[in-house]
PDB file of N, CA and C in Angstrom:
ATOM      1  N   UNK A   1      90.784 126.899  44.410  1.00  0.00           N
ATOM      2  CA  UNK A   1      89.761 127.403  45.298  1.00  0.00           C
ATOM      3  C   UNK A   1      90.673 128.436  46.165  1.00  0.00           C
ATOM      4  N   UNK A   2      89.731 129.232  46.455  1.00  0.00           N
ATOM      5  CA  UNK A   2      90.114 130.332  47.610  1.00  0.00           C
ATOM      6  C   UNK A   2      90.273 129.929  48.992  1.00  0.00           C
ATOM      7  N   UNK A   3      90.892 130.340  49.946  1.00  0.00           N
ATOM      8  CA  UNK A   3      90.530 130.018  51.096  1.00  0.00           C
ATOM      9  C   UNK A   3      89.442 130.551  51.630  1.00  0.00           C
ATOM     10  N   UNK A   4      88.841 131.473  51.293  1.00  0.00           N
ATOM     11  CA  UNK A   4      87.636 131.997  51.560  1.00  0.00           C
ATOM     12  C   UNK A   4      86.501 131.526  51.300  1.00  0.00           C
ATOM     13  N   UNK A   5      86.505 130.637  50.285  1.00  0.00           N
ATOM     14  CA  UNK A   5      85.554 129.709  49.860  1.00  0.00           C
ATOM     15  C   UNK A   5      85.634 128.129  50.443  1.00  0.00           C
ATOM     16  N   UNK A   6      84.390 127.604  51.074  1.00  0.00           N
ATOM     17  CA  UNK A   6      84.401 126.224  51.404  1.00  0.00           C
ATOM     18  C   UNK A   6      83.590 125.607  50.249  1.00  0.00           C
ATOM     19  N   UNK A   7      83.986 124.168  50.064  1.00  0.00           N
ATOM     20  CA  UNK A   7      83.215 123.419  48.965  1.00  0.00           C
ATOM     21  C   UNK A   7      82.960 122.177  49.923  1.00  0.00           C
ATOM     22  N   UNK A   8      81.849 121.796  49.642  1.00  0.00           N
ATOM     23  CA  UNK A   8      81.136 120.584  50.056  1.00  0.00           C
ATOM     24  C   UNK A   8      80.564 119.811  48.939  1.00  0.00           C
ATOM     25  N   UNK A   9      80.821 118.433  49.095  1.00  0.00           N
ATOM     26  CA  UNK A   9      80.490 117.559  47.932  1.00  0.00           C
ATOM     27  C   UNK A   9      79.654 116.212  48.588  1.00  0.00           C
ATOM     28  N   UNK A  10      78.233 116.150  47.853  1.00  0.00           N
ATOM     29  CA  UNK A  10      77.745 114.888  48.411  1.00  0.00           C
ATOM     30  C   UNK A  10      77.081 114.062  47.296  1.00  0.00           C
ATOM     31  N   UNK A  11      77.144 112.693  47.302  1.00  0.00           N
ATOM     32  CA  UNK A  11      76.598 111.992  46.147  1.00  0.00           C
ATOM     33  C   UNK A  11      75.437 111.364  46.835  1.00  0.00           C
ATOM     34  N   UNK A  12      74.309 111.202  46.067  1.00  0.00           N
ATOM     35  CA  UNK A  12      72.953 111.009  46.443  1.00  0.00           C
ATOM     36  C   UNK A  12      72.362 110.202  45.512  1.00  0.00           C
ATOM     37  N   UNK A  13      71.280 109.620  45.682  1.00  0.00           N
ATOM     38  CA  UNK A  13      70.561 108.957  44.969  1.00  0.00           C
ATOM     39  C   UNK A  13      69.049 109.637  45.034  1.00  0.00           C
ATOM     40  N   UNK A  14      68.178 109.670  44.212  1.00  0.00           N
ATOM     41  CA  UNK A  14      66.740 110.419  44.104  1.00  0.00           C
ATOM     42  C   UNK A  14      65.954 109.720  42.852  1.00  0.00           C
ATOM     43  N   UNK A  15      64.780 109.692  43.154  1.00  0.00           N
ATOM     44  CA  UNK A  15      63.644 109.578  42.253  1.00  0.00           C
ATOM     45  C   UNK A  15      63.484 110.644  41.268  1.00  0.00           C
ATOM     46  N   UNK A  16      63.850 111.624  41.821  1.00  0.00           N
ATOM     47  CA  UNK A  16      63.815 112.770  40.581  1.00  0.00           C
ATOM     48  C   UNK A  16      64.654 112.432  39.391  1.00  0.00           C
ATOM     49  N   UNK A  17      63.971 113.132  38.349  1.00  0.00           N
ATOM     50  CA  UNK A  17      63.719 112.796  37.109  1.00  0.00           C
ATOM     51  C   UNK A  17      65.259 113.695  36.495  1.00  0.00           C
ATOM     52  N   UNK A  18      65.651 114.437  36.901  1.00  0.00           N
ATOM     53  CA  UNK A  18      66.803 115.213  36.632  1.00  0.00           C
ATOM     54  C   UNK A  18      67.305 116.425  37.682  1.00  0.00           C
ATOM     55  N   UNK A  19      68.110 116.906  37.303  1.00  0.00           N
ATOM     56  CA  UNK A  19      68.952 118.003  38.464  1.00  0.00           C
ATOM     57  C   UNK A  19      67.756 119.005  38.788  1.00  0.00           C
ATOM     58  N   UNK A  20      67.371 119.551  37.978  1.00  0.00           N
ATOM     59  CA  UNK A  20      66.488 120.486  38.532  1.00  0.00           C
ATOM     60  C   UNK A  20      65.178 120.122  39.354  1.00  0.00           C
ATOM     61  N   UNK A  21      64.478 119.127  39.095  1.00  0.00           N
ATOM     62  CA  UNK A  21      63.718 118.658  39.891  1.00  0.00           C
ATOM     63  C   UNK A  21      64.513 118.125  41.322  1.00  0.00           C
ATOM     64  N   UNK A  22      65.535 117.761  41.458  1.00  0.00           N
ATOM     65  CA  UNK A  22      66.280 117.308  42.571  1.00  0.00           C
ATOM     66  C   UNK A  22      66.536 118.755  43.286  1.00  0.00           C
ATOM     67  N   UNK A  23      66.784 119.678  42.539  1.00  0.00           N
ATOM     68  CA  UNK A  23      67.225 121.099  43.175  1.00  0.00           C
ATOM     69  C   UNK A  23      66.169 121.502  43.864  1.00  0.00           C
ATOM     70  N   UNK A  24      64.772 121.462  42.943  1.00  0.00           N
ATOM     71  CA  UNK A  24      63.450 121.964  43.515  1.00  0.00           C
ATOM     72  C   UNK A  24      63.039 121.472  44.811  1.00  0.00           C
ATOM     73  N   UNK A  25      63.143 119.993  45.092  1.00  0.00           N
ATOM     74  CA  UNK A  25      62.824 119.359  46.170  1.00  0.00           C
ATOM     75  C   UNK A  25      63.741 119.870  47.512  1.00  0.00           C
ATOM     76  N   UNK A  26      65.101 120.055  47.096  1.00  0.00           N
ATOM     77  CA  UNK A  26      65.954 120.527  48.332  1.00  0.00           C
ATOM     78  C   UNK A  26      65.306 121.737  48.616  1.00  0.00           C
ATOM     79  N   UNK A  27      65.193 122.809  47.697  1.00  0.00           N
ATOM     80  CA  UNK A  27      64.746 123.986  47.975  1.00  0.00           C
ATOM     81  C   UNK A  27      63.269 124.071  49.043  1.00  0.00           C
ATOM     82  N   UNK A  28      62.402 123.202  48.417  1.00  0.00           N
ATOM     83  CA  UNK A  28      61.138 122.889  49.137  1.00  0.00           C
ATOM     84  C   UNK A  28      61.278 122.272  50.600  1.00  0.00           C
ATOM     85  N   UNK A  29      61.880 121.255  50.467  1.00  0.00           N
ATOM     86  CA  UNK A  29      62.332 120.222  51.725  1.00  0.00           C
ATOM     87  C   UNK A  29      63.107 121.548  52.964  1.00  0.00           C
ATOM     88  N   UNK A  30      63.757 122.126  52.411  1.00  0.00           N
ATOM     89  CA  UNK A  30      64.504 122.922  53.317  1.00  0.00           C
ATOM     90  C   UNK A  30      64.062 124.246  53.803  1.00  0.00           C
ATOM     91  N   UNK A  31      62.669 124.423  52.921  1.00  0.00           N
ATOM     92  CA  UNK A  31      61.998 125.649  53.256  1.00  0.00           C
ATOM     93  C   UNK A  31      62.939 126.941  52.929  1.00  0.00           C
ATOM     94  N   UNK A  32      63.577 126.696  51.944  1.00  0.00           N
ATOM     95  CA  UNK A  32      64.659 127.992  51.625  1.00  0.00           C
ATOM     96  C   UNK A  32      64.107 129.247  50.600  1.00  0.00           C
ATOM     97  N   UNK A  33      64.332 130.375  50.629  1.00  0.00           N
ATOM     98  CA  UNK A  33      63.720 131.423  50.071  1.00  0.00           C
ATOM     99  C   UNK A  33      64.703 131.845  48.693  1.00  0.00           C
ATOM    100  N   UNK A  34      64.683 130.995  47.796  1.00  0.00           N
ATOM    101  CA  UNK A  34      65.313 131.136  46.689  1.00  0.00           C
ATOM    102  C   UNK A  34      64.928 130.513  45.244  1.00  0.00           C
ATOM    103  N   UNK A  35      65.456 130.696  44.185  1.00  0.00           N
ATOM    104  CA  UNK A  35      64.802 130.037  42.997  1.00  0.00           C
ATOM    105  C   UNK A  35      65.886 129.376  42.392  1.00  0.00           C
ATOM    106  N   UNK A  36      65.464 128.080  41.980  1.00  0.00           N
ATOM    107  CA  UNK A  36      66.244 127.177  41.342  1.00  0.00           C
ATOM    108  C   UNK A  36      66.328 127.664  39.856  1.00  0.00           C
ATOM    109  N   UNK A  37      67.823 127.914  39.587  1.00  0.00           N
ATOM    110  CA  UNK A  37      68.201 128.504  37.967  1.00  0.00           C
ATOM    111  C   UNK A  37      68.838 127.253  37.145  1.00  0.00           C
ATOM    112  N   UNK A  38      68.773 127.353  35.900  1.00  0.00           N
ATOM    113  CA  UNK A  38      69.222 126.436  34.926  1.00  0.00           C
ATOM    114  C   UNK A  38      69.569 127.006  33.739  1.00  0.00           C
ATOM    115  N   UNK A  39      70.650 127.238  33.785  1.00  0.00           N
ATOM    116  CA  UNK A  39      71.197 127.991  32.719  1.00  0.00           C
ATOM    117  C   UNK A  39      72.629 127.864  32.106  1.00  0.00           C
ATOM    118  N   UNK A  40      73.147 128.031  31.106  1.00  0.00           N
ATOM    119  CA  UNK A  40      75.083 127.516  30.697  1.00  0.00           C
ATOM    120  C   UNK A  40      75.067 126.056  31.433  1.00  0.00           C
ATOM    121  N   UNK A  41      74.043 125.206  31.305  1.00  0.00           N
ATOM    122  CA  UNK A  41      74.431 123.934  31.514  1.00  0.00           C
ATOM    123  C   UNK A  41      74.558 123.534  33.091  1.00  0.00           C
ATOM    124  N   UNK A  42      74.270 124.180  33.722  1.00  0.00           N
ATOM    125  CA  UNK A  42      74.113 124.323  35.081  1.00  0.00           C
ATOM    126  C   UNK A  42      72.684 124.330  35.918  1.00  0.00           C
ATOM    127  N   UNK A  43      72.690 123.535  37.215  1.00  0.00           N
ATOM    128  CA  UNK A  43      71.450 123.673  37.709  1.00  0.00           C
ATOM    129  C   UNK A  43      71.857 124.056  39.464  1.00  0.00           C
ATOM    130  N   UNK A  44      71.295 125.144  39.454  1.00  0.00           N
ATOM    131  CA  UNK A  44      71.663 125.966  40.927  1.00  0.00           C
ATOM    132  C   UNK A  44      70.770 126.392  41.403  1.00  0.00           C
ATOM    133  N   UNK A  45      70.989 126.816  42.977  1.00  0.00           N
ATOM    134  CA  UNK A  45      70.519 127.579  43.573  1.00  0.00           C
ATOM    135  C   UNK A  45      71.164 128.336  44.707  1.00  0.00           C
ATOM    136  N   UNK A  46      71.023 129.509  45.282  1.00  0.00           N
ATOM    137  CA  UNK A  46      71.963 130.477  46.193  1.00  0.00           C
ATOM    138  C   UNK A  46      70.781 130.525  47.335  1.00  0.00           C
ATOM    139  N   UNK A  47      71.260 130.565  48.778  1.00  0.00           N
ATOM    140  CA  UNK A  47      70.721 130.800  49.550  1.00  0.00           C
ATOM    141  C   UNK A  47      71.568 131.125  50.579  1.00  0.00           C
ATOM    142  N   UNK A  48      71.355 132.047  51.632  1.00  0.00           N
ATOM    143  CA  UNK A  48      72.038 132.416  52.782  1.00  0.00           C
ATOM    144  C   UNK A  48      71.788 131.773  53.881  1.00  0.00           C
ATOM    145  N   UNK A  49      72.873 131.981  54.995  1.00  0.00           N
ATOM    146  CA  UNK A  49      72.457 131.234  56.471  1.00  0.00           C
ATOM    147  C   UNK A  49      73.499 131.595  57.215  1.00  0.00           C
ATOM    148  N   UNK A  50      73.159 131.785  58.499  1.00  0.00           N
ATOM    149  CA  UNK A  50      73.961 132.219  59.427  1.00  0.00           C
ATOM    150  C   UNK A  50      74.374 130.801  59.800  1.00  0.00           C
ATOM    151  N   UNK A  51      75.763 130.644  60.098  1.00  0.00           N
ATOM    152  CA  UNK A  51      76.310 129.752  61.043  1.00  0.00           C
ATOM    153  C   UNK A  51      76.836 130.018  62.106  1.00  0.00           C
ATOM    154  N   UNK A  52      77.172 128.677  63.374  1.00  0.00           N
ATOM    155  CA  UNK A  52      77.709 128.881  64.463  1.00  0.00           C
ATOM    156  C   UNK A  52      78.698 130.095  64.854  1.00  0.00           C
ATOM    157  N   UNK A  53      79.630 130.204  63.937  1.00  0.00           N
ATOM    158  CA  UNK A  53      80.717 131.329  63.825  1.00  0.00           C
ATOM    159  C   UNK A  53      79.951 132.841  64.064  1.00  0.00           C
ATOM    160  N   UNK A  54      78.408 132.870  64.010  1.00  0.00           N
ATOM    161  CA  UNK A  54      78.136 134.134  63.812  1.00  0.00           C
ATOM    162  C   UNK A  54      78.172 134.978  62.548  1.00  0.00           C
ATOM    163  N   UNK A  55      78.494 134.603  61.612  1.00  0.00           N
ATOM    164  CA  UNK A  55      78.834 134.851  60.319  1.00  0.00           C
ATOM    165  C   UNK A  55      77.464 134.407  59.295  1.00  0.00           C
ATOM    166  N   UNK A  56      76.871 135.034  58.578  1.00  0.00           N
ATOM    167  CA  UNK A  56      76.183 134.867  57.287  1.00  0.00           C
ATOM    168  C   UNK A  56      76.986 134.236  55.947  1.00  0.00           C
ATOM    169  N   UNK A  57      76.446 133.021  55.769  1.00  0.00           N
ATOM    170  CA  UNK A  57      77.187 132.693  54.372  1.00  0.00           C
ATOM    171  C   UNK A  57      76.135 132.371  53.054  1.00  0.00           C
ATOM    172  N   UNK A  58      76.726 132.677  52.129  1.00  0.00           N
ATOM    173  CA  UNK A  58      75.852 132.529  50.743  1.00  0.00           C
ATOM    174  C   UNK A  58      76.610 131.285  50.383  1.00  0.00           C
ATOM    175  N   UNK A  59      75.687 130.298  50.030  1.00  0.00           N
ATOM    176  CA  UNK A  59      75.697 129.173  49.758  1.00  0.00           C
ATOM    177  C   UNK A  59      75.145 128.997  48.048  1.00  0.00           C
ATOM    178  N   UNK A  60      76.147 128.572  47.201  1.00  0.00           N
ATOM    179  CA  UNK A  60      75.947 128.219  45.887  1.00  0.00           C
ATOM    180  C   UNK A  60      75.907 126.769  45.672  1.00  0.00           C
ATOM    181  N   UNK A  61      74.601 126.072  45.331  1.00  0.00           N
ATOM    182  CA  UNK A  61      74.655 124.904  45.705  1.00  0.00           C
ATOM    183  C   UNK A  61      74.051 124.271  44.331  1.00  0.00           C
ATOM    184  N   UNK A  62      75.035 123.801  43.741  1.00  0.00           N
ATOM    185  CA  UNK A  62      75.016 123.366  42.158  1.00  0.00           C
ATOM    186  C   UNK A  62      74.456 121.499  42.368  1.00  0.00           C
ATOM    187  N   UNK A  63      73.522 121.085  41.287  1.00  0.00           N
ATOM    188  CA  UNK A  63      73.069 119.683  41.637  1.00  0.00           C
ATOM    189  C   UNK A  63      73.462 119.441  39.815  1.00  0.00           C
ATOM    190  N   UNK A  64      74.070 118.251  39.872  1.00  0.00           N
ATOM    191  CA  UNK A  64      74.592 117.468  38.847  1.00  0.00           C
ATOM    192  C   UNK A  64      73.974 116.137  38.718  1.00  0.00           C
ATOM    193  N   UNK A  65      73.810 115.486  37.682  1.00  0.00           N
ATOM    194  CA  UNK A  65      73.270 114.038  37.439  1.00  0.00           C
ATOM    195  C   UNK A  65      74.216 113.758  36.616  1.00  0.00           C
ATOM    196  N   UNK A  66      74.562 112.340  37.077  1.00  0.00           N
ATOM    197  CA  UNK A  66      75.591 111.535  36.538  1.00  0.00           C
ATOM    198  C   UNK A  66      75.131 109.795  36.610  1.00  0.00           C
ATOM    199  N   UNK A  67      74.620 109.470  35.287  1.00  0.00           N
ATOM    200  CA  UNK A  67      74.017 108.188  35.084  1.00  0.00           C
ATOM    201  C   UNK A  67      72.924 108.033  36.396  1.00  0.00           C
ATOM    202  N   UNK A  68      72.984 106.879  37.151  1.00  0.00           N
ATOM    203  CA  UNK A  68      71.829 107.140  38.169  1.00  0.00           C
ATOM    204  C   UNK A  68      72.132 108.044  39.417  1.00  0.00           C
ATOM    205  N   UNK A  69      73.381 108.552  39.672  1.00  0.00           N
ATOM    206  CA  UNK A  69      73.336 109.688  40.754  1.00  0.00           C
ATOM    207  C   UNK A  69      73.355 110.802  40.559  1.00  0.00           C
ATOM    208  N   UNK A  70      73.131 111.743  41.703  1.00  0.00           N
ATOM    209  CA  UNK A  70      73.127 112.860  41.732  1.00  0.00           C
ATOM    210  C   UNK A  70      74.213 113.181  42.610  1.00  0.00           C
ATOM    211  N   UNK A  71      74.966 114.497  42.238  1.00  0.00           N
ATOM    212  CA  UNK A  71      75.887 115.056  43.052  1.00  0.00           C
ATOM    213  C   UNK A  71      75.682 116.157  43.247  1.00  0.00           C
ATOM    214  N   UNK A  72      75.589 116.809  44.617  1.00  0.00           N
ATOM    215  CA  UNK A  72      75.327 118.308  45.309  1.00  0.00           C
ATOM    216  C   UNK A  72      76.608 118.770  45.624  1.00  0.00           C
ATOM    217  N   UNK A  73      76.990 119.910  44.985  1.00  0.00           N
ATOM    218  CA  UNK A  73      78.506 120.551  44.974  1.00  0.00           C
ATOM    219  C   UNK A  73      78.011 122.314  45.507  1.00  0.00           C
ATOM    220  N   UNK A  74      78.454 122.437  46.914  1.00  0.00           N
ATOM    221  CA  UNK A  74      77.978 123.692  47.444  1.00  0.00           C
ATOM    222  C   UNK A  74      79.029 124.212  47.707  1.00  0.00           C
ATOM    223  N   UNK A  75      79.078 125.354  47.306  1.00  0.00           N
ATOM    224  CA  UNK A  75      80.435 126.421  47.471  1.00  0.00           C
ATOM    225  C   UNK A  75      79.873 127.132  48.637  1.00  0.00           C
ATOM    226  N   UNK A  76      80.527 127.541  49.370  1.00  0.00           N
ATOM    227  CA  UNK A  76      79.924 128.434  50.692  1.00  0.00           C
ATOM    228  C   UNK A  76      81.205 129.711  51.008  1.00  0.00           C
ATOM    229  N   UNK A  77      80.574 130.835  50.775  1.00  0.00           N
ATOM    230  CA  UNK A  77      81.405 132.229  51.511  1.00  0.00           C
ATOM    231  C   UNK A  77      80.593 133.002  52.141  1.00  0.00           C
ATOM    232  N   UNK A  78      81.444 133.731  52.923  1.00  0.00           N
ATOM    233  CA  UNK A  78      80.854 134.773  53.642  1.00  0.00           C
ATOM    234  C   UNK A  78      79.951 135.504  52.759  1.00  0.00           C
ATOM    235  N   UNK A  79      78.611 135.892  53.216  1.00  0.00           N
ATOM    236  CA  UNK A  79      77.902 136.898  52.338  1.00  0.00           C
ATOM    237  C   UNK A  79      78.463 138.104  52.132  1.00  0.00           C
ATOM    238  N   UNK A  80      79.364 138.641  52.871  1.00  0.00           N
ATOM    239  CA  UNK A  80      79.885 139.877  52.450  1.00  0.00           C
ATOM    240  C   UNK A  80      80.960 139.749  51.476  1.00  0.00           C
ATOM    241  N   UNK A  81      81.194 138.653  50.946  1.00  0.00           N
ATOM    242  CA  UNK A  81      82.065 138.367  49.884  1.00  0.00           C
ATOM    243  C   UNK A  81      81.576 137.806  48.685  1.00  0.00           C
ATOM    244  N   UNK A  82      80.476 137.418  48.763  1.00  0.00           N
ATOM    245  CA  UNK A  82      79.748 136.507  47.518  1.00  0.00           C
ATOM    246  C   UNK A  82      80.017 137.390  46.365  1.00  0.00           C
ATOM    247  N   UNK A  83      79.480 138.637  46.276  1.00  0.00           N
ATOM    248  CA  UNK A  83      79.880 139.338  44.961  1.00  0.00           C
ATOM    249  C   UNK A  83      81.216 139.258  44.389  1.00  0.00           C
ATOM    250  N   UNK A  84      82.263 139.371  45.311  1.00  0.00           N
ATOM    251  CA  UNK A  84      83.560 139.079  44.743  1.00  0.00           C
ATOM    252  C   UNK A  84      83.845 137.788  44.085  1.00  0.00           C
ATOM    253  N   UNK A  85      83.273 136.842  44.524  1.00  0.00           N
ATOM    254  CA  UNK A  85      83.734 135.243  44.315  1.00  0.00           C
ATOM    255  C   UNK A  85      82.211 134.694  43.245  1.00  0.00           C
ATOM    256  N   UNK A  86      81.436 135.444  42.872  1.00  0.00           N
ATOM    257  CA  UNK A  86      80.050 135.000  41.978  1.00  0.00           C
ATOM    258  C   UNK A  86      80.470 134.529  40.758  1.00  0.00           C
ATOM    259  N   UNK A  87      81.281 135.333  39.814  1.00  0.00           N
ATOM    260  CA  UNK A  87      81.877 134.659  38.870  1.00  0.00           C
ATOM    261  C   UNK A  87      82.774 133.533  38.772  1.00  0.00           C
ATOM    262  N   UNK A  88      83.853 133.720  39.750  1.00  0.00           N
ATOM    263  CA  UNK A  88      84.912 132.557  39.962  1.00  0.00           C
ATOM    264  C   UNK A  88      83.798 131.192  40.555  1.00  0.00           C
ATOM    265  N   UNK A  89      82.703 131.505  41.324  1.00  0.00           N
ATOM    266  CA  UNK A  89      82.212 130.206  41.813  1.00  0.00           C
ATOM    267  C   UNK A  89      81.464 129.461  40.346  1.00  0.00           C
ATOM    268  N   UNK A  90      81.045 130.571  39.654  1.00  0.00           N
ATOM    269  CA  UNK A  90      80.248 129.767  38.376  1.00  0.00           C
ATOM    270  C   UNK A  90      81.256 128.884  37.464  1.00  0.00           C
ATOM    271  N   UNK A  91      82.644 129.677  37.354  1.00  0.00           N
ATOM    272  CA  UNK A  91      83.809 128.907  36.604  1.00  0.00           C
ATOM    273  C   UNK A  91      83.880 127.702  37.277  1.00  0.00           C
ATOM    274  N   UNK A  92      84.178 127.587  38.630  1.00  0.00           N
ATOM    275  CA  UNK A  92      84.712 126.366  39.181  1.00  0.00           C
ATOM    276  C   UNK A  92      83.393 125.305  38.975  1.00  0.00           C
ATOM    277  N   UNK A  93      82.308 125.621  39.099  1.00  0.00           N
ATOM    278  CA  UNK A  93      81.092 124.871  38.795  1.00  0.00           C
ATOM    279  C   UNK A  93      80.875 124.229  37.467  1.00  0.00           C
ATOM    280  N   UNK A  94      81.061 125.277  36.690  1.00  0.00           N
ATOM    281  CA  UNK A  94      81.479 124.817  35.321  1.00  0.00           C
ATOM    282  C   UNK A  94      82.659 123.536  35.019  1.00  0.00           C
ATOM    283  N   UNK A  95      83.721 123.416  35.957  1.00  0.00           N
ATOM    284  CA  UNK A  95      84.738 122.734  35.499  1.00  0.00           C
ATOM    285  C   UNK A  95      84.342 121.271  36.508  1.00  0.00           C
ATOM    286  N   UNK A  96      83.203 121.368  37.129  1.00  0.00           N
ATOM    287  CA  UNK A  96      83.312 119.869  37.666  1.00  0.00           C
ATOM    288  C   UNK A  96      83.044 118.534  36.824  1.00  0.00           C
ATOM    289  N   UNK A  97      84.051 117.675  37.012  1.00  0.00           N
ATOM    290  CA  UNK A  97      83.833 116.759  36.043  1.00  0.00           C
ATOM    291  C   UNK A  97      83.420 115.116  37.181  1.00  0.00           C
ATOM    292  N   UNK A  98      82.457 114.654  36.878  1.00  0.00           N
ATOM    293  CA  UNK A  98      81.786 113.264  37.471  1.00  0.00           C
ATOM    294  C   UNK A  98      82.301 112.236  36.786  1.00  0.00           C
ATOM    295  N   UNK A  99      82.905 111.181  37.508  1.00  0.00           N
ATOM    296  CA  UNK A  99      83.064 109.599  36.766  1.00  0.00           C
ATOM    297  C   UNK A  99      82.181 108.847  37.456  1.00  0.00           C
TER     298      UNK A  99
END
C-alpha cells in the first residue's frame, strides 16, 4: 500500500443476511450520503469525511462475509488524491483474503 492510504480493519458479527445488507445498515446508521455498490464480487460504499487534521478524506469501505463473521476494511485517502488511487484501492480490496 501507499503511505498516502491508511487501511482500517474491523471484524464484527451481525444479524445481517449478507454483506450488502450490513453495508446498507452502516450507511443508514451513520447517515452517510452515499450508495452501496455490489459489483465484481465486492460490496462497498465510498463517503467523504473531514478529520481533525483539517483535511477531508475519501473512505472506501468494503464489507466481506466469512462464515458467521463480517469484516469491514476501509481505505482512507485524502479526497484530493482519491482519483489517483481509485483503481488501486479496488485491486487491494479484491486481494483481501479472510481465514
